[in-house]
Amino acid sequence: LDFYLVQDFASSIDDFTKSILLDDTFFPAYFMRALVRYKQLEYKKAEATMSEGATLGATEMKKPEVTVIDYEVVKNDLDHVIQLAPDFVYGYYNRGNVSSLLKDYRAALVDYDKAIELSPDFAEAYFNRGLTHIFLGNNKQGIADLSKAGELGIVSAYNIIKRFTVTRE
């Protein structure tokens, strides 16, 4: 965790991997490794965006690429979390987020459903499920979820609802 806090992602991942090798039933190690890998991928994507068009002398800098396979590795760790701790709500929620990022919206909905089933007041799960429904064209379900997220404290949900309920003249 200390390595993660100072953004030494590689050392953090190595330590969580060692922990898993010592006890492959310790689900928090899988969960934290997934989170650190996800954060590492987000940094790589940000670096790639910032370095677009940047040159080093006469040659272009090598852009760090993030692929679907990178996110599948994160998802695999979350699969382990869910297998080892089927009542751990954040395993489903985070796997839903990764599925959504991978454009597997149906799988994301299943995971958000489970997260909400396990924790009926999980505002972020309602929010993300609402956005996913809207993206799939299920505006009525999406607005209902966003409304619930708003009731549970995510005020920005109301702005999104307004955009999808404005009457066109």
Protein backbone atom coordinates (compact mmCIF):
# COMPACT_ATOMS: atom_id res chain seq x y z
CA LEU A 1 0.00 0.00 0.00
CA ASP A 2 2.86 2.38 0.74
CA PHE A 3 4.26 1.91 -2.76
CA TYR A 4 0.80 2.64 -4.17
CA LEU A 5 0.51 5.83 -2.13
CA VAL A 6 3.78 7.16 -3.58
CA GLN A 7 2.69 6.01 -7.06
CA ASP A 8 5.34 3.31 -7.39
CA PHE A 9 2.82 1.07 -9.10
CA ALA A 10 5.26 -1.63 -10.25
CA SER A 11 6.60 -2.24 -6.72
CA SER A 12 3.07 -2.20 -5.32
CA ILE A 13 1.91 -4.77 -7.85
CA ASP A 14 4.98 -6.92 -7.09
CA ASP A 15 4.17 -6.87 -3.37
CA PHE A 16 0.52 -7.77 -3.90
CA THR A 17 1.58 -10.58 -6.23
CA LYS A 18 3.95 -11.92 -3.55
CA SER A 19 1.09 -11.76 -1.06
CA ILE A 20 -1.12 -13.75 -3.43
CA LEU A 21 1.64 -16.33 -3.92
CA LEU A 22 1.84 -16.73 -0.14
CA ASP A 23 -1.95 -17.03 0.27
CA ASP A 24 -4.07 -17.27 -2.87
CA THR A 25 -7.27 -17.08 -0.81
CA PHE A 26 -6.53 -13.57 0.53
CA PHE A 27 -8.99 -11.62 -1.62
CA PRO A 28 -7.88 -8.12 -0.49
CA ALA A 29 -4.53 -8.69 -2.26
CA TYR A 30 -6.33 -9.44 -5.54
CA PHE A 31 -8.59 -6.44 -5.04
CA MET A 32 -5.77 -4.01 -4.32
CA ARG A 33 -3.66 -5.39 -7.17
CA ALA A 34 -6.61 -4.79 -9.50
CA LEU A 35 -7.00 -1.22 -8.24
CA VAL A 36 -3.29 -0.47 -8.60
CA ARG A 37 -3.19 -1.95 -12.10
CA TYR A 38 -6.24 0.09 -13.07
CA LYS A 39 -4.66 3.29 -11.73
CA GLN A 40 -1.43 2.44 -13.57
CA LEU A 41 -3.37 2.03 -16.83
CA GLU A 42 -5.12 5.35 -16.31
CA TYR A 43 -1.74 7.05 -15.84
CA LYS A 44 -0.41 5.36 -18.99
CA LYS A 45 -3.42 6.61 -20.96
CA ALA A 46 -2.90 10.13 -19.61
CA GLU A 47 0.80 9.99 -20.54
CA ALA A 48 -0.08 8.84 -24.05
CA THR A 49 -2.51 11.73 -24.44
CA MET A 50 0.04 14.25 -23.16
CA SER A 51 2.83 12.92 -25.36
CA GLU A 52 0.79 12.95 -28.59
CA GLY A 53 2.71 15.03 -31.05
CA ALA A 54 5.67 15.41 -28.71
CA THR A 55 9.04 14.81 -30.30
CA LEU A 56 12.41 14.01 -28.88
CA GLY A 57 14.97 15.46 -31.26
CA ALA A 58 14.06 14.17 -34.71
CA THR A 59 12.31 11.01 -33.52
CA GLU A 60 8.89 10.64 -32.00
CA MET A 61 8.70 9.52 -28.40
CA LYS A 62 7.38 6.00 -27.88
CA LYS A 63 3.80 6.34 -26.67
CA PRO A 64 2.78 3.96 -23.87
CA GLU A 65 -0.17 2.00 -25.19
CA VAL A 66 -3.01 0.63 -23.14
CA THR A 67 -4.83 -2.33 -24.65
CA VAL A 68 -7.95 -4.34 -23.95
CA ILE A 69 -5.71 -7.12 -22.66
CA ASP A 70 -4.37 -4.78 -19.96
CA TYR A 71 -7.91 -4.26 -18.67
CA GLU A 72 -8.67 -7.97 -18.95
CA VAL A 73 -5.83 -8.57 -16.46
CA VAL A 74 -7.54 -6.17 -14.04
CA LYS A 75 -10.87 -7.90 -14.64
CA ASN A 76 -9.25 -11.29 -13.97
CA ASP A 77 -8.15 -10.11 -10.51
CA LEU A 78 -11.69 -8.87 -9.82
CA ASP A 79 -13.04 -12.26 -10.93
CA HIS A 80 -10.82 -13.81 -8.24
CA VAL A 81 -12.12 -11.34 -5.66
CA ILE A 82 -15.72 -12.26 -6.49
CA GLN A 83 -14.94 -15.97 -6.44
CA LEU A 84 -13.27 -15.71 -3.02
CA ALA A 85 -15.65 -13.14 -1.50
CA PRO A 86 -19.03 -13.29 -3.29
CA ASP A 87 -20.56 -10.73 -0.89
CA PHE A 88 -17.84 -8.10 -1.42
CA VAL A 89 -19.80 -5.35 -3.14
CA TYR A 90 -16.79 -3.44 -4.50
CA GLY A 91 -15.66 -6.47 -6.48
CA TYR A 92 -18.84 -6.30 -8.55
CA TYR A 93 -18.88 -2.52 -8.76
CA ASN A 94 -15.29 -2.27 -9.98
CA ARG A 95 -15.71 -5.17 -12.39
CA GLY A 96 -18.78 -3.38 -13.74
CA ASN A 97 -16.67 -0.27 -14.29
CA VAL A 98 -14.01 -2.26 -16.15
CA SER A 99 -16.66 -4.03 -18.24
CA SER A 100 -18.17 -0.67 -19.12
CA LEU A 101 -14.76 0.67 -20.10
CA LEU A 102 -14.35 -2.41 -22.34
CA LYS A 103 -17.77 -1.60 -23.87
CA ASP A 104 -19.29 -4.81 -22.48
CA TYR A 105 -22.32 -2.91 -21.21
CA ARG A 106 -24.54 -5.93 -20.58
CA ALA A 107 -21.91 -7.47 -18.29
CA ALA A 108 -21.53 -4.10 -16.58
CA LEU A 109 -25.27 -3.98 -15.89
CA VAL A 110 -25.19 -7.46 -14.35
CA ASP A 111 -22.39 -6.39 -12.00
CA TYR A 112 -24.06 -3.09 -11.07
CA ASP A 113 -27.27 -5.02 -10.38
CA LYS A 114 -25.40 -7.34 -8.03
CA ALA A 115 -23.65 -4.44 -6.29
CA ILE A 116 -27.02 -2.77 -5.70
CA GLU A 117 -28.54 -6.04 -4.51
CA LEU A 118 -25.73 -6.37 -1.94
CA SER A 119 -25.80 -2.69 -0.96
CA PRO A 120 -29.15 -1.03 -1.75
CA ASP A 121 -27.84 2.46 -0.86
CA PHE A 122 -24.76 2.32 -3.11
CA ALA A 123 -25.20 5.65 -4.90
CA GLU A 124 -22.28 5.25 -7.32
CA ALA A 125 -23.61 1.89 -8.53
CA TYR A 126 -27.00 3.47 -9.29
CA PHE A 127 -25.26 6.36 -11.03
CA ASN A 128 -23.10 4.14 -13.25
CA ARG A 129 -25.96 1.74 -13.95
CA GLY A 130 -28.09 4.73 -14.93
CA LEU A 131 -25.46 6.01 -17.35
CA THR A 132 -25.09 2.52 -18.82
CA HIS A 133 -28.84 2.20 -19.35
CA ILE A 134 -28.94 5.59 -21.07
CA PHE A 135 -26.02 4.65 -23.26
CA LEU A 136 -27.92 1.52 -24.32
CA GLY A 137 -31.03 3.61 -25.08
CA ASN A 138 -33.01 2.58 -22.00
CA ASN A 139 -33.61 6.17 -20.93
CA LYS A 140 -36.53 5.44 -18.59
CA GLN A 141 -34.49 2.91 -16.55
CA GLY A 142 -31.43 5.15 -16.71
CA ILE A 143 -33.29 8.19 -15.43
CA ALA A 144 -34.80 6.15 -12.59
CA ASP A 145 -31.32 5.01 -11.52
CA LEU A 146 -29.88 8.50 -11.82
CA SER A 147 -32.76 9.83 -9.74
CA LYS A 148 -32.00 7.27 -7.03
CA ALA A 149 -28.30 8.22 -7.19
CA GLY A 150 -29.33 11.86 -6.73
CA GLU A 151 -31.49 10.97 -3.73
CA LEU A 152 -28.49 9.14 -2.27
CA GLY A 153 -26.27 12.21 -2.60
CA ILE A 154 -24.83 12.36 -6.12
CA VAL A 155 -26.18 15.79 -7.03
CA SER A 156 -24.59 15.78 -10.52
CA ALA A 157 -27.05 13.02 -11.47
CA TYR A 158 -29.79 15.64 -11.67
CA ASN A 159 -27.92 17.55 -14.39
CA ILE A 160 -27.77 14.41 -16.51
CA ILE A 161 -31.47 13.74 -15.92
CA LYS A 162 -32.27 17.26 -17.15
CA ARG A 163 -30.40 16.60 -20.40
CA PHE A 164 -32.45 13.49 -21.11
CA THR A 165 -35.84 14.83 -20.04
CA VAL A 166 -35.80 18.23 -21.78
CA THR A 167 -38.88 18.49 -23.96
CA ARG A 168 -38.09 19.38 -27.53
CA GLU A 169 -40.40 21.91 -29.17
